[in-house]
Amino acid sequence: MIDKSIRKQILEEIEKSGNVYFACTKVGLSRATFYRWKKCDDKFSKSVDRAFHSGRMAMCDVAEHMLMKKVKEGEMKAIVYVLAHNSKIYRPRNSTKVILEHRSDKNNNPPAYERTLEDLLREEDERRNKQAKLDDVKDIGSPTISPLTQHDIPI
């Protein structure tokens, strides 16, 4: 049976922090015991879930407050983070840039052009589509004429 005072304390701590380990440590309860109680008592389990959700939301509020504080202080990492996660304009684009260079150039001239991974993949798709069309034409095209053998020549 779950001690009501410990149950109340653990729920309060989870509601504050949203963290089971922290709450159990603060109350002096092992995590194994906590999870056993949670598994065996449906009412306690539902209370834990509500407290956990509230605690996570509270921690998110604290983290957002600290983030906004850093933005107001002018910290560039915080500013970049907020813009990247809250505005489509500043969101990083998902692209990969690959530069191919010919290493045998003795004059160290820059490459003639740059191709991205997307360019290479598109070119490969185009090459495969073109080859598939050629294969289709061969299958549909004029009948193939097999070479004559000595059995085909009338005597």
Protein backbone atom coordinates (compact mmCIF):
# COMPACT_ATOMS: atom_id res chain seq x y z
CA MET A 1 0.00 0.00 0.00
CA ILE A 2 1.19 3.49 -0.84
CA ASP A 3 1.89 5.83 2.06
CA LYS A 4 -0.42 8.81 1.48
CA SER A 5 2.08 11.45 2.68
CA ILE A 6 4.85 10.11 0.42
CA ARG A 7 2.35 9.83 -2.44
CA LYS A 8 1.38 13.48 -1.98
CA GLN A 9 5.04 14.59 -1.76
CA ILE A 10 6.09 12.67 -4.87
CA LEU A 11 3.15 14.06 -6.89
CA GLU A 12 4.01 17.60 -5.77
CA GLU A 13 7.66 17.17 -6.75
CA ILE A 14 6.77 15.68 -10.14
CA GLU A 15 4.38 18.55 -10.72
CA LYS A 16 7.19 21.04 -9.97
CA SER A 17 9.93 19.41 -12.02
CA GLY A 18 8.35 17.03 -14.49
CA ASN A 19 11.19 14.63 -13.66
CA VAL A 20 10.67 11.30 -11.87
CA TYR A 21 14.33 10.82 -10.93
CA PHE A 22 14.57 14.28 -9.37
CA ALA A 23 11.26 13.86 -7.52
CA CYS A 24 12.15 10.41 -6.16
CA THR A 25 15.57 11.61 -5.02
CA LYS A 26 14.08 14.61 -3.25
CA VAL A 27 11.44 12.51 -1.45
CA GLY A 28 13.84 9.63 -0.69
CA LEU A 29 11.95 7.02 -2.68
CA SER A 30 13.61 4.56 -5.04
CA ARG A 31 12.55 4.78 -8.66
CA ALA A 32 11.85 1.05 -8.70
CA THR A 33 9.35 1.48 -5.86
CA PHE A 34 7.81 4.49 -7.59
CA TYR A 35 7.30 2.58 -10.86
CA ARG A 36 5.95 -0.45 -9.00
CA TRP A 37 3.39 1.80 -7.27
CA LYS A 38 2.53 3.40 -10.59
CA LYS A 39 2.03 0.01 -12.22
CA CYS A 40 -0.11 -1.43 -9.40
CA ASP A 41 -2.35 1.56 -8.63
CA ASP A 42 -4.38 2.96 -11.56
CA LYS A 43 -5.54 6.00 -9.61
CA PHE A 44 -1.95 6.84 -8.62
CA SER A 45 -0.80 6.22 -12.19
CA LYS A 46 -3.31 8.70 -13.60
CA SER A 47 -2.34 11.26 -10.94
CA VAL A 48 1.33 10.78 -11.87
CA ASP A 49 0.57 11.28 -15.57
CA ARG A 50 -1.28 14.54 -14.83
CA ALA A 51 1.48 15.76 -12.51
CA PHE A 52 4.16 14.77 -15.04
CA HIS A 53 2.40 16.71 -17.80
CA SER A 54 2.01 19.76 -15.56
CA GLY A 55 5.65 19.53 -14.50
CA ARG A 56 6.88 19.30 -18.09
CA MET A 57 4.79 22.30 -19.06
CA ALA A 58 6.16 24.23 -16.07
CA MET A 59 9.76 23.36 -17.08
CA CYS A 60 9.05 24.45 -20.65
CA ASP A 61 7.73 27.77 -19.32
CA VAL A 62 10.88 28.24 -17.25
CA ALA A 63 13.11 27.34 -20.22
CA GLU A 64 11.22 29.71 -22.53
CA HIS A 65 11.50 32.47 -19.95
CA MET A 66 15.27 31.97 -19.71
CA LEU A 67 15.54 31.84 -23.49
CA MET A 68 13.66 35.11 -23.87
CA LYS A 69 15.85 36.63 -21.17
CA LYS A 70 18.94 35.67 -23.20
CA VAL A 71 17.37 37.14 -26.36
CA LYS A 72 16.73 40.42 -24.53
CA GLU A 73 20.36 40.40 -23.36
CA GLY A 74 21.40 40.17 -27.01
CA GLU A 75 22.91 36.69 -26.97
CA MET A 76 23.21 35.72 -30.62
CA LYS A 77 22.79 31.94 -30.13
CA ALA A 78 19.47 32.52 -28.38
CA ILE A 79 18.35 34.95 -31.07
CA VAL A 80 19.24 32.51 -33.86
CA TYR A 81 17.46 29.68 -32.05
CA VAL A 82 14.26 31.67 -31.56
CA LEU A 83 14.21 32.88 -35.15
CA ALA A 84 15.00 29.45 -36.61
CA HIS A 85 12.24 27.78 -34.61
CA ASN A 86 9.56 30.44 -34.92
CA SER A 87 9.86 31.93 -38.41
CA LYS A 88 9.85 30.28 -41.82
CA ILE A 89 12.05 33.06 -43.13
CA TYR A 90 14.93 32.20 -40.78
CA ARG A 91 14.45 28.43 -40.69
CA PRO A 92 17.51 26.59 -42.02
CA ARG A 93 16.93 24.94 -45.35
CA ASN A 94 17.46 21.22 -45.64
CA SER A 95 20.02 21.04 -48.37
CA THR A 96 23.43 19.57 -48.79
CA LYS A 97 26.12 21.19 -50.86
CA VAL A 98 28.84 19.02 -52.33
CA ILE A 99 31.72 20.59 -54.21
CA LEU A 100 33.62 18.38 -56.61
CA GLU A 101 37.15 19.45 -57.43
CA HIS A 102 39.67 18.07 -59.83
CA ARG A 103 42.80 17.64 -57.76
CA SER A 104 45.30 17.40 -60.63
CA ASP A 105 45.07 21.11 -61.45
CA LYS A 106 48.58 22.38 -60.78
CA ASN A 107 47.61 26.07 -60.86
CA ASN A 108 45.07 25.65 -58.03
CA ASN A 109 42.29 27.10 -60.19
CA PRO A 110 38.82 26.92 -58.69
CA PRO A 111 36.51 24.21 -60.00
CA ALA A 112 34.71 25.00 -63.23
CA TYR A 113 31.32 24.75 -61.49
CA GLU A 114 29.76 23.50 -58.27
CA ARG A 115 27.28 20.65 -58.09
CA THR A 116 25.19 19.81 -55.08
CA LEU A 117 24.20 16.34 -54.00
CA GLU A 118 20.71 17.16 -55.21
CA ASP A 119 22.17 17.99 -58.67
CA LEU A 120 23.97 14.65 -58.78
CA LEU A 121 20.84 12.75 -57.75
CA ARG A 122 18.70 14.61 -60.29
CA GLU A 123 21.24 13.88 -63.06
CA GLU A 124 21.29 10.20 -62.12
CA ASP A 125 17.46 10.09 -62.21
CA GLU A 126 17.46 11.76 -65.62
CA ARG A 127 20.07 9.30 -66.90
CA ARG A 128 18.05 6.33 -65.64
CA ASN A 129 14.79 7.70 -67.09
CA LYS A 130 16.47 8.25 -70.45
CA GLN A 131 17.89 4.72 -70.39
CA ALA A 132 14.48 3.30 -69.45
CA LYS A 133 12.87 5.12 -72.41
CA LEU A 134 15.54 3.75 -74.74
CA ASP A 135 14.94 0.26 -73.39
CA ASP A 136 11.18 0.71 -73.97
CA VAL A 137 11.81 1.82 -77.57
CA LYS A 138 13.99 -1.23 -78.17
CA ASP A 139 11.21 -3.48 -76.86
CA ILE A 140 8.50 -1.78 -78.94
CA GLY A 141 10.57 -0.75 -81.98
CA SER A 142 11.19 -2.59 -85.22
CA PRO A 143 11.52 -6.32 -85.05
CA THR A 144 15.02 -7.50 -84.60
CA ILE A 145 16.50 -9.39 -87.51
CA SER A 146 18.56 -12.32 -86.46
CA PRO A 147 21.56 -13.18 -88.56
CA LEU A 148 21.03 -15.85 -91.20
CA THR A 149 22.34 -19.26 -90.50
CA GLN A 150 23.10 -21.94 -93.09
CA HIS A 151 19.77 -23.60 -92.30
CA ASP A 152 17.87 -20.43 -93.33
CA ILE A 153 19.36 -20.30 -96.84
CA PRO A 154 17.27 -22.19 -99.42
CA ILE A 155 19.22 -24.62 -101.55
